[in-house]
Every structure is written in C-alpha cells, then in structure tokens.
C-alpha atoms as a PDB file:
ATOM      1  CA  UNK A   1      -0.447  -1.560  23.245  1.00  0.00           C
ATOM      2  CA  UNK A   2      -2.926   1.145  22.305  1.00  0.00           C
ATOM      3  CA  UNK A   3      -3.235   1.580  18.559  1.00  0.00           C
ATOM      4  CA  UNK A   4      -4.173   4.781  16.762  1.00  0.00           C
ATOM      5  CA  UNK A   5      -5.318   4.566  13.171  1.00  0.00           C
ATOM      6  CA  UNK A   6      -5.645   7.136  10.388  1.00  0.00           C
ATOM      7  CA  UNK A   7      -7.048   5.996   7.043  1.00  0.00           C
ATOM      8  CA  UNK A   8     -10.340   4.134   6.710  1.00  0.00           C
ATOM      9  CA  UNK A   9     -10.555   3.304   3.032  1.00  0.00           C
ATOM     10  CA  UNK A  10     -11.300  -0.281   2.078  1.00  0.00           C
ATOM     11  CA  UNK A  11      -7.840  -1.546   3.003  1.00  0.00           C
ATOM     12  CA  UNK A  12      -7.447   0.491   6.182  1.00  0.00           C
ATOM     13  CA  UNK A  13     -10.902  -0.523   7.370  1.00  0.00           C
ATOM     14  CA  UNK A  14     -10.166  -4.200   6.763  1.00  0.00           C
ATOM     15  CA  UNK A  15      -6.967  -3.859   8.813  1.00  0.00           C
ATOM     16  CA  UNK A  16      -8.798  -2.147  11.689  1.00  0.00           C
ATOM     17  CA  UNK A  17     -11.484  -4.826  11.748  1.00  0.00           C
ATOM     18  CA  UNK A  18      -8.802  -7.502  12.002  1.00  0.00           C
ATOM     19  CA  UNK A  19      -7.074  -5.600  14.810  1.00  0.00           C
ATOM     20  CA  UNK A  20     -10.338  -5.366  16.732  1.00  0.00           C
ATOM     21  CA  UNK A  21     -11.104  -9.043  16.124  1.00  0.00           C
ATOM     22  CA  UNK A  22      -7.715  -9.852  17.641  1.00  0.00           C
ATOM     23  CA  UNK A  23      -8.620  -7.824  20.741  1.00  0.00           C
ATOM     24  CA  UNK A  24      -6.493  -4.726  20.181  1.00  0.00           C
ATOM     25  CA  UNK A  25      -7.493  -1.359  21.652  1.00  0.00           C
ATOM     26  CA  UNK A  26      -7.916   0.883  18.577  1.00  0.00           C
ATOM     27  CA  UNK A  27      -8.808   4.562  18.157  1.00  0.00           C
ATOM     28  CA  UNK A  28      -9.540   5.713  14.611  1.00  0.00           C
ATOM     29  CA  UNK A  29      -9.636   9.128  12.995  1.00  0.00           C
ATOM     30  CA  UNK A  30     -13.218  10.246  12.427  1.00  0.00           C
ATOM     31  CA  UNK A  31     -13.223  10.190   8.649  1.00  0.00           C
ATOM     32  CA  UNK A  32     -13.424   7.567   5.906  1.00  0.00           C
ATOM     33  CA  UNK A  33     -15.840   5.182   4.279  1.00  0.00           C
ATOM     34  CA  UNK A  34     -15.243   2.545   6.948  1.00  0.00           C
ATOM     35  CA  UNK A  35     -15.879   4.765   9.976  1.00  0.00           C
ATOM     36  CA  UNK A  36     -19.185   3.194  10.962  1.00  0.00           C
ATOM     37  CA  UNK A  37     -17.792  -0.314  10.502  1.00  0.00           C
ATOM     38  CA  UNK A  38     -14.852   0.526  12.754  1.00  0.00           C
ATOM     39  CA  UNK A  39     -17.152   2.071  15.340  1.00  0.00           C
ATOM     40  CA  UNK A  40     -19.438  -0.984  15.255  1.00  0.00           C
ATOM     41  CA  UNK A  41     -16.402  -3.211  15.813  1.00  0.00           C
ATOM     42  CA  UNK A  42     -15.649  -1.320  19.036  1.00  0.00           C
ATOM     43  CA  UNK A  43     -13.020   1.164  17.894  1.00  0.00           C
ATOM     44  CA  UNK A  44     -12.935   4.520  19.667  1.00  0.00           C
ATOM     45  CA  UNK A  45     -13.139   7.650  17.498  1.00  0.00           C
ATOM     46  CA  UNK A  46     -11.289  10.976  17.593  1.00  0.00           C
ATOM     47  CA  UNK A  47     -11.313  13.925  15.207  1.00  0.00           C
ATOM     48  CA  UNK A  48      -7.782  15.154  15.923  1.00  0.00           C
ATOM     49  CA  UNK A  49      -4.595  13.638  14.489  1.00  0.00           C
ATOM     50  CA  UNK A  50      -2.309  14.785  17.294  1.00  0.00           C
ATOM     51  CA  UNK A  51      -4.683  13.593  20.025  1.00  0.00           C
ATOM     52  CA  UNK A  52      -4.777  10.116  18.508  1.00  0.00           C
ATOM     53  CA  UNK A  53      -0.986  10.032  18.169  1.00  0.00           C
ATOM     54  CA  UNK A  54      -0.315  11.221  21.719  1.00  0.00           C
ATOM     55  CA  UNK A  55      -2.333   8.323  23.157  1.00  0.00           C
ATOM     56  CA  UNK A  56      -0.850   5.627  20.893  1.00  0.00           C
ATOM     57  CA  UNK A  57       1.852   3.054  21.393  1.00  0.00           C
ATOM     58  CA  UNK A  58       1.516   2.314  17.692  1.00  0.00           C
ATOM     59  CA  UNK A  59       0.119   4.733  15.113  1.00  0.00           C
ATOM     60  CA  UNK A  60      -0.972   3.185  11.817  1.00  0.00           C
ATOM     61  CA  UNK A  61      -1.422   5.154   8.594  1.00  0.00           C
ATOM     62  CA  UNK A  62      -3.149   3.736   5.523  1.00  0.00           C
ATOM     63  CA  UNK A  63      -3.638   6.608   3.097  1.00  0.00           C
ATOM     64  CA  UNK A  64      -3.505   7.030  -0.690  1.00  0.00           C
ATOM     65  CA  UNK A  65      -0.493   9.229  -1.382  1.00  0.00           C
ATOM     66  CA  UNK A  66       2.438  11.095   0.137  1.00  0.00           C
ATOM     67  CA  UNK A  67       0.681  14.473   0.327  1.00  0.00           C
ATOM     68  CA  UNK A  68      -1.870  12.978   2.727  1.00  0.00           C
ATOM     69  CA  UNK A  69       0.917  11.466   4.829  1.00  0.00           C
ATOM     70  CA  UNK A  70       2.633  14.844   5.042  1.00  0.00           C
ATOM     71  CA  UNK A  71      -0.618  16.540   5.992  1.00  0.00           C
ATOM     72  CA  UNK A  72      -1.252  14.104   8.849  1.00  0.00           C
ATOM     73  CA  UNK A  73       2.271  13.818  10.227  1.00  0.00           C
ATOM     74  CA  UNK A  74       3.629  17.319   9.720  1.00  0.00           C
ATOM     75  CA  UNK A  75       0.649  19.594   9.088  1.00  0.00           C
ATOM     76  CA  UNK A  76      -1.587  17.830  11.607  1.00  0.00           C
ATOM     77  CA  UNK A  77       1.143  17.383  14.206  1.00  0.00           C
ATOM     78  CA  UNK A  78       0.780  13.616  14.566  1.00  0.00           C
ATOM     79  CA  UNK A  79       4.487  12.837  14.268  1.00  0.00           C
ATOM     80  CA  UNK A  80       5.548  15.397  16.869  1.00  0.00           C
ATOM     81  CA  UNK A  81       2.809  14.193  19.250  1.00  0.00           C
ATOM     82  CA  UNK A  82       3.949  10.571  19.387  1.00  0.00           C
ATOM     83  CA  UNK A  83       5.316   9.664  22.823  1.00  0.00           C
ATOM     84  CA  UNK A  84       8.724   8.112  23.457  1.00  0.00           C
ATOM     85  CA  UNK A  85       8.590   4.375  22.804  1.00  0.00           C
ATOM     86  CA  UNK A  86       5.843   4.672  20.199  1.00  0.00           C
ATOM     87  CA  UNK A  87       6.030   3.159  16.716  1.00  0.00           C
ATOM     88  CA  UNK A  88       4.763   4.784  13.532  1.00  0.00           C
ATOM     89  CA  UNK A  89       3.640   2.205  10.956  1.00  0.00           C
ATOM     90  CA  UNK A  90       3.000   3.767   7.557  1.00  0.00           C
ATOM     91  CA  UNK A  91       1.214   1.411   5.163  1.00  0.00           C
ATOM     92  CA  UNK A  92       0.858   4.095   2.470  1.00  0.00           C
ATOM     93  CA  UNK A  93       2.843   3.279  -0.663  1.00  0.00           C
ATOM     94  CA  UNK A  94       5.027   6.270  -1.469  1.00  0.00           C
ATOM     95  CA  UNK A  95       8.488   7.724  -1.794  1.00  0.00           C
ATOM     96  CA  UNK A  96      11.427   6.109   0.024  1.00  0.00           C
ATOM     97  CA  UNK A  97      12.784   9.638   0.445  1.00  0.00           C
ATOM     98  CA  UNK A  98       9.699  10.647   2.432  1.00  0.00           C
ATOM     99  CA  UNK A  99      10.128   7.579   4.647  1.00  0.00           C
ATOM    100  CA  UNK A 100      13.678   8.727   5.384  1.00  0.00           C
ATOM    101  CA  UNK A 101      12.500  12.279   6.063  1.00  0.00           C
ATOM    102  CA  UNK A 102       9.877  11.017   8.513  1.00  0.00           C
ATOM    103  CA  UNK A 103      12.496   8.959  10.365  1.00  0.00           C
ATOM    104  CA  UNK A 104      14.811  11.982  10.567  1.00  0.00           C
ATOM    105  CA  UNK A 105      12.083  14.207  12.043  1.00  0.00           C
ATOM    106  CA  UNK A 106      10.602  11.667  14.460  1.00  0.00           C
ATOM    107  CA  UNK A 107      10.837  12.634  18.147  1.00  0.00           C
ATOM    108  CA  UNK A 108      13.526  10.995  20.256  1.00  0.00           C
ATOM    109  CA  UNK A 109      12.522   7.464  21.184  1.00  0.00           C
ATOM    110  CA  UNK A 110       9.942   7.127  18.373  1.00  0.00           C
ATOM    111  CA  UNK A 111      10.572   4.420  15.755  1.00  0.00           C
ATOM    112  CA  UNK A 112       9.225   4.683  12.221  1.00  0.00           C
ATOM    113  CA  UNK A 113       8.436   1.819   9.867  1.00  0.00           C
ATOM    114  CA  UNK A 114       7.529   2.142   6.204  1.00  0.00           C
ATOM    115  CA  UNK A 115       5.337  -0.940   6.132  1.00  0.00           C
ATOM    116  CA  UNK A 116       4.463  -1.257   2.456  1.00  0.00           C
ATOM    117  CA  UNK A 117       2.297  -4.250   1.633  1.00  0.00           C
ATOM    118  CA  UNK A 118       1.110  -6.519  -1.144  1.00  0.00           C
ATOM    119  CA  UNK A 119      -2.403  -7.955  -1.078  1.00  0.00           C
ATOM    120  CA  UNK A 120      -5.992  -6.812  -0.710  1.00  0.00           C
ATOM    121  CA  UNK A 121      -9.082  -7.118   1.450  1.00  0.00           C
ATOM    122  CA  UNK A 122      -9.369 -10.899   1.038  1.00  0.00           C
ATOM    123  CA  UNK A 123      -5.710 -11.360   1.956  1.00  0.00           C
ATOM    124  CA  UNK A 124      -6.151  -9.132   5.012  1.00  0.00           C
ATOM    125  CA  UNK A 125      -9.235 -11.017   6.188  1.00  0.00           C
ATOM    126  CA  UNK A 126      -7.295 -14.287   5.880  1.00  0.00           C
ATOM    127  CA  UNK A 127      -4.376 -12.820   7.848  1.00  0.00           C
ATOM    128  CA  UNK A 128      -2.018 -13.446   4.935  1.00  0.00           C
ATOM    129  CA  UNK A 129      -0.916  -9.962   3.845  1.00  0.00           C
ATOM    130  CA  UNK A 130       2.734  -9.506   2.868  1.00  0.00           C
ATOM    131  CA  UNK A 131       4.360  -6.568   4.679  1.00  0.00           C
ATOM    132  CA  UNK A 132       7.715  -5.198   3.494  1.00  0.00           C
ATOM    133  CA  UNK A 133       9.082  -3.272   6.469  1.00  0.00           C
ATOM    134  CA  UNK A 134      11.755  -0.617   6.346  1.00  0.00           C
ATOM    135  CA  UNK A 135      13.020   0.619   9.709  1.00  0.00           C
ATOM    136  CA  UNK A 136      14.683  -0.710  12.864  1.00  0.00           C
ATOM    137  CA  UNK A 137      14.385  -4.487  13.158  1.00  0.00           C
ATOM    138  CA  UNK A 138      13.652  -4.104  16.875  1.00  0.00           C
ATOM    139  CA  UNK A 139      10.672  -1.859  16.114  1.00  0.00           C
ATOM    140  CA  UNK A 140       9.377  -4.294  13.499  1.00  0.00           C
ATOM    141  CA  UNK A 141       9.485  -7.049  16.115  1.00  0.00           C
ATOM    142  CA  UNK A 142       7.621  -4.893  18.641  1.00  0.00           C
ATOM    143  CA  UNK A 143       4.973  -4.114  16.028  1.00  0.00           C
ATOM    144  CA  UNK A 144       4.652  -7.737  14.931  1.00  0.00           C
ATOM    145  CA  UNK A 145       1.898  -8.646  17.422  1.00  0.00           C
ATOM    146  CA  UNK A 146      -0.328  -5.952  15.926  1.00  0.00           C
ATOM    147  CA  UNK A 147       0.667  -6.484  12.291  1.00  0.00           C
ATOM    148  CA  UNK A 148       0.062 -10.219  12.650  1.00  0.00           C
ATOM    149  CA  UNK A 149      -3.658  -9.523  13.005  1.00  0.00           C
ATOM    150  CA  UNK A 150      -3.752  -9.108   9.224  1.00  0.00           C
ATOM    151  CA  UNK A 151      -0.290 -10.023   7.900  1.00  0.00           C
ATOM    152  CA  UNK A 152       1.071 -13.529   7.498  1.00  0.00           C
ATOM    153  CA  UNK A 153       4.526 -12.543   6.244  1.00  0.00           C
ATOM    154  CA  UNK A 154       6.370  -9.577   7.771  1.00  0.00           C
ATOM    155  CA  UNK A 155       9.837  -9.034   6.322  1.00  0.00           C
ATOM    156  CA  UNK A 156      12.333  -6.570   7.900  1.00  0.00           C
ATOM    157  CA  UNK A 157      14.342  -5.006   5.080  1.00  0.00           C
ATOM    158  CA  UNK A 158      16.782  -2.599   6.705  1.00  0.00           C
ATOM    159  CA  UNK A 159      16.714   1.151   7.132  1.00  0.00           C
ATOM    160  CA  UNK A 160      13.963   3.694   6.484  1.00  0.00           C
ATOM    161  CA  UNK A 161      12.707   3.662   2.893  1.00  0.00           C
ATOM    162  CA  UNK A 162      13.713   0.082   2.121  1.00  0.00           C
ATOM    163  CA  UNK A 163      10.164  -1.206   2.508  1.00  0.00           C
ATOM    164  CA  UNK A 164       8.928   1.441   0.074  1.00  0.00           C
ATOM    165  CA  UNK A 165      11.707   0.624  -2.382  1.00  0.00           C
ATOM    166  CA  UNK A 166      10.862  -3.078  -2.518  1.00  0.00           C
ATOM    167  CA  UNK A 167       7.130  -2.335  -2.807  1.00  0.00           C
ATOM    168  CA  UNK A 168       7.702   0.086  -5.693  1.00  0.00           C
ATOM    169  CA  UNK A 169       9.872  -2.486  -7.459  1.00  0.00           C
ATOM    170  CA  UNK A 170       7.141  -5.063  -6.917  1.00  0.00           C
ATOM    171  CA  UNK A 171       4.576  -2.725  -8.431  1.00  0.00           C
ATOM    172  CA  UNK A 172       6.823  -1.870 -11.376  1.00  0.00           C
ATOM    173  CA  UNK A 173       7.123  -5.557 -12.202  1.00  0.00           C
ATOM    174  CA  UNK A 174       3.375  -6.056 -11.787  1.00  0.00           C
ATOM    175  CA  UNK A 175       2.711  -3.030 -14.022  1.00  0.00           C
ATOM    176  CA  UNK A 176       5.059  -4.445 -16.666  1.00  0.00           C
ATOM    177  CA  UNK A 177       3.357  -7.829 -16.519  1.00  0.00           C
ATOM    178  CA  UNK A 178      -0.076  -6.217 -16.700  1.00  0.00           C
ATOM    179  CA  UNK A 179       0.942  -4.076 -19.683  1.00  0.00           C
ATOM    180  CA  UNK A 180       2.425  -7.070 -21.496  1.00  0.00           C
ATOM    181  CA  UNK A 181      -0.584  -9.268 -20.722  1.00  0.00           C
ATOM    182  CA  UNK A 182      -3.036  -6.656 -22.013  1.00  0.00           C
ATOM    183  CA  UNK A 183      -1.013  -6.251 -25.226  1.00  0.00           C
ATOM    184  CA  UNK A 184      -0.899  -9.999 -25.747  1.00  0.00           C
ATOM    185  CA  UNK A 185      -4.643 -10.393 -25.166  1.00  0.00           C
ATOM    186  CA  UNK A 186      -5.396  -7.649 -27.673  1.00  0.00           C
ATOM    187  CA  UNK A 187      -3.455  -9.698 -30.238  1.00  0.00           C
ATOM    188  CA  UNK A 188      -5.506 -12.772 -29.283  1.00  0.00           C
ATOM    189  CA  UNK A 189      -8.710 -10.731 -29.663  1.00  0.00           C
ATOM    190  CA  UNK A 190      -7.634  -9.596 -33.133  1.00  0.00           C
ATOM    191  CA  UNK A 191      -7.282 -13.265 -34.042  1.00  0.00           C
ATOM    192  CA  UNK A 192     -10.893 -13.950 -33.056  1.00  0.00           C
ATOM    193  CA  UNK A 193     -10.126 -15.455 -29.654  1.00  0.00           C
ATOM    194  CA  UNK A 194     -11.837 -14.593 -26.389  1.00  0.00           C
ATOM    195  CA  UNK A 195      -9.332 -12.763 -24.144  1.00  0.00           C
ATOM    196  CA  UNK A 196     -10.674 -14.291 -20.922  1.00  0.00           C
ATOM    197  CA  UNK A 197     -10.383 -17.827 -22.339  1.00  0.00           C
ATOM    198  CA  UNK A 198      -6.841 -17.163 -23.553  1.00  0.00           C
ATOM    199  CA  UNK A 199      -5.885 -15.744 -20.136  1.00  0.00           C
ATOM    200  CA  UNK A 200      -7.184 -18.886 -18.426  1.00  0.00           C
ATOM    201  CA  UNK A 201      -5.404 -21.237 -20.830  1.00  0.00           C
ATOM    202  CA  UNK A 202      -2.046 -19.467 -20.721  1.00  0.00           C
ATOM    203  CA  UNK A 203      -2.442 -19.203 -16.963  1.00  0.00           C
ATOM    204  CA  UNK A 204      -2.154 -22.984 -16.801  1.00  0.00           C
ATOM    205  CA  UNK A 205       1.180 -22.887 -18.601  1.00  0.00           C
ATOM    206  CA  UNK A 206       4.601 -21.332 -18.187  1.00  0.00           C
ATOM    207  CA  UNK A 207       3.311 -17.919 -19.298  1.00  0.00           C
ATOM    208  CA  UNK A 208       0.916 -17.596 -16.376  1.00  0.00           C
ATOM    209  CA  UNK A 209       1.202 -14.736 -13.883  1.00  0.00           C
ATOM    210  CA  UNK A 210      -0.740 -12.890 -11.206  1.00  0.00           C
ATOM    211  CA  UNK A 211      -1.225 -10.019 -13.675  1.00  0.00           C
ATOM    212  CA  UNK A 212      -2.590 -12.328 -16.369  1.00  0.00           C
ATOM    213  CA  UNK A 213      -5.156 -13.751 -13.937  1.00  0.00           C
ATOM    214  CA  UNK A 214      -6.643 -10.246 -13.692  1.00  0.00           C
ATOM    215  CA  UNK A 215      -8.053 -10.741 -17.179  1.00  0.00           C
ATOM    216  CA  UNK A 216      -9.816 -14.061 -16.503  1.00  0.00           C
ATOM    217  CA  UNK A 217     -13.059 -12.523 -15.198  1.00  0.00           C
ATOM    218  CA  UNK A 218     -14.494 -11.683 -18.612  1.00  0.00           C
ATOM    219  CA  UNK A 219     -14.361  -7.912 -18.123  1.00  0.00           C
ATOM    220  CA  UNK A 220     -13.021  -5.992 -21.101  1.00  0.00           C
ATOM    221  CA  UNK A 221      -9.278  -5.439 -21.326  1.00  0.00           C
ATOM    222  CA  UNK A 222      -9.768  -1.689 -20.849  1.00  0.00           C
ATOM    223  CA  UNK A 223     -11.994  -2.153 -17.782  1.00  0.00           C
ATOM    224  CA  UNK A 224      -9.486  -4.518 -16.206  1.00  0.00           C
ATOM    225  CA  UNK A 225      -6.675  -2.025 -16.730  1.00  0.00           C
ATOM    226  CA  UNK A 226      -8.835   0.808 -15.359  1.00  0.00           C
ATOM    227  CA  UNK A 227      -9.206  -0.947 -11.996  1.00  0.00           C
ATOM    228  CA  UNK A 228      -5.454  -0.890 -11.389  1.00  0.00           C
ATOM    229  CA  UNK A 229      -4.513   2.269 -13.280  1.00  0.00           C
ATOM    230  CA  UNK A 230      -4.918   4.912 -10.516  1.00  0.00           C
ATOM    231  CA  UNK A 231      -2.647   2.988  -8.174  1.00  0.00           C
ATOM    232  CA  UNK A 232      -0.069   2.080 -10.796  1.00  0.00           C
ATOM    233  CA  UNK A 233       0.083   5.602 -12.239  1.00  0.00           C
ATOM    234  CA  UNK A 234       0.877   6.837  -8.720  1.00  0.00           C
ATOM    235  CA  UNK A 235       3.375   4.114  -7.816  1.00  0.00           C
ATOM    236  CA  UNK A 236       5.161   3.859 -11.169  1.00  0.00           C
ATOM    237  CA  UNK A 237       5.439   7.651 -11.255  1.00  0.00           C
ATOM    238  CA  UNK A 238       6.881   7.675  -7.730  1.00  0.00           C
ATOM    239  CA  UNK A 239       9.445   5.045  -8.653  1.00  0.00           C
ATOM    240  CA  UNK A 240      10.399   6.950 -11.800  1.00  0.00           C
ATOM    241  CA  UNK A 241      11.014  10.132  -9.818  1.00  0.00           C
ATOM    242  CA  UNK A 242      12.892   8.256  -7.083  1.00  0.00           C
ATOM    243  CA  UNK A 243      15.111   6.517  -9.632  1.00  0.00           C
ATOM    244  CA  UNK A 244      15.863   9.822 -11.336  1.00  0.00           C
ATOM    245  CA  UNK A 245      16.814  11.441  -8.008  1.00  0.00           C
ATOM    246  CA  UNK A 246      19.143   8.535  -7.193  1.00  0.00           C
ATOM    247  CA  UNK A 247      20.561   8.235 -10.742  1.00  0.00           C
ATOM    248  CA  UNK A 248      19.266   4.654 -11.047  1.00  0.00           C
ATOM    249  CA  UNK A 249      18.805   3.481 -14.642  1.00  0.00           C
ATOM    250  CA  UNK A 250      15.362   1.901 -15.127  1.00  0.00           C
ATOM    251  CA  UNK A 251      15.183   2.631 -18.858  1.00  0.00           C
ATOM    252  CA  UNK A 252      14.596  -1.061 -19.549  1.00  0.00           C
ATOM    253  CA  UNK A 253      11.077  -0.383 -18.227  1.00  0.00           C
ATOM    254  CA  UNK A 254      10.537   2.636 -20.517  1.00  0.00           C
ATOM    255  CA  UNK A 255       7.442   1.163 -22.186  1.00  0.00           C
ATOM    256  CA  UNK A 256       5.801   0.523 -18.805  1.00  0.00           C
ATOM    257  CA  UNK A 257       6.740   3.959 -17.489  1.00  0.00           C
ATOM    258  CA  UNK A 258       5.163   5.542 -20.560  1.00  0.00           C
ATOM    259  CA  UNK A 259       2.045   3.358 -20.479  1.00  0.00           C
ATOM    260  CA  UNK A 260       1.324   4.230 -16.843  1.00  0.00           C
ATOM    261  CA  UNK A 261       2.300   7.895 -17.040  1.00  0.00           C
ATOM    262  CA  UNK A 262      -0.143  10.572 -15.827  1.00  0.00           C
ATOM    263  CA  UNK A 263      -1.039  11.627 -19.350  1.00  0.00           C
ATOM    264  CA  UNK A 264      -1.102   8.223 -21.077  1.00  0.00           C
ATOM    265  CA  UNK A 265      -4.858   7.636 -20.767  1.00  0.00           C
ATOM    266  CA  UNK A 266      -7.981   8.915 -19.010  1.00  0.00           C
ATOM    267  CA  UNK A 267      -8.012   7.828 -15.379  1.00  0.00           C
ATOM    268  CA  UNK A 268     -10.938   6.812 -13.232  1.00  0.00           C
ATOM    269  CA  UNK A 269     -10.443   7.165  -9.492  1.00  0.00           C
ATOM    270  CA  UNK A 270     -11.225   3.965  -7.613  1.00  0.00           C
ATOM    271  CA  UNK A 271     -12.581   4.697  -4.141  1.00  0.00           C
END
C-alpha cells in the first residue's frame, strides 16, 4: 500500500520514520521541520496535496488544528483526489463534527478514519502509541498494518467522530489532573516544600497520576504548564464548543475549562 503523508512536525516525522523503517512506500508533502529526516529515510517528496492523495492507498494527516485539515482536504483538493479504495487517516486532534463532515464529503469508495492518539515521540519510536479510531471497522483493519509501525494499541470506536470524542475526553481529564496537580504543588511550595520532591513522593502513593509526573523534572510549575498549554487550550476549547453544540453538560469541569481558556494566560507556541 502506498502511503501519502502531510504533516512533518515532531510527531508526524516520528510516524513517517517508523513507517519507512517498517518498509512502507511513503511520499511526504514538501514542508515541515522533519522534511530532511523523511527524505534521508527514503521517503519521496511532492509539493502538491492532490498529487500525493491521488497516488495513495492510505493518506495520513498529522497537523495542528482543524483549519489546517480543512485547507489540505478541501482547499487543497486532497480529499476529492483520493482514489476508490483509499483510506484517509487523520491523526490531527480536532472536532468530531469535522470528522463527520469529512466522511460525508469523501468520494465514493474512500474510507475516512479519525485516528486520534495518545502518546509522544518516545511512544511512537517504541511502537506503543494508543490510537482511538473513529470510522468503519473494516477500514481500521485495512489500515492496521501501516498504523502498527508506530501504534501498539489500535481501538475501533464506531462511526466518524468517535475517535475524536474519546481523545477530547481523554485530554479534558488530563487537563483537569494537570490543573489540580499544579494547584496542589503551589500549596506545597507555600509550605516550604520542593514541588518536584512532593510530586515524586505523591506519585508513589494513591494520588499519583500521569499529569503529576509532569512536575517531577524540577522545572518550575509555570514552565511545566506552558509546555502543555497550547495543545490543551486548543483541545479543551474544541471540546467545550462541541459539547455546547450537542447540548452536553460538562459544567462539572468549569474550573478546567476556565483555566485552559484562550484568554486565561499568556501562551507560548511549542513547535
């Protein structure tokens, strides 16, 4: 299966390198910080979205936000160019409603998967990424041989948008845990304790969490929050808008929604 790929940030590049290491034929879009790494790994390069899509049995997207996905698929013609039998795998975390819109506008015979994920570069390199896949189960199975180059757990979740929904819920819980952990560590700091030491100690007990481990490095509380903030502002905001559109009550998370709102604090873009 020929694979086309659009999105060569840190995560997308790591995925492409794993695909190439597994022997897959990959063509990447000629833009992104990982372009030279992909080229060195043997990936072909093209500077046209539609051309890449037309030659692909599987087209992977790993972008930052929904506007970029729209630009590639609709503005750039990639969705319309996909041939019958092809699979679109969108790893970009975004709106479940957009995932449904993409599925509705896909050409006949083209399957779409919103393949949201949890993990990072290290997880990808170990082949242990978690992929939450919304879309036809048959398409997820056909894509599994490619996804398995970097994912250890691939879970079919039902129709279009379901992968995005579960990922956004995951990120809302992580954001809540991160917010609570930072608030708790500020209290510890006020009591003369070192936040990193407290994070390590509590991490050994029943209060431990993945979010709390983020504070074990010794970086300041604010710096630790800043590393995750751009992504959580985007994802928590998307979930808030999606919940409002669907009349889903998530008011129990009001403090988290406020803390990670666009205007809650200065934001530093993480490239």
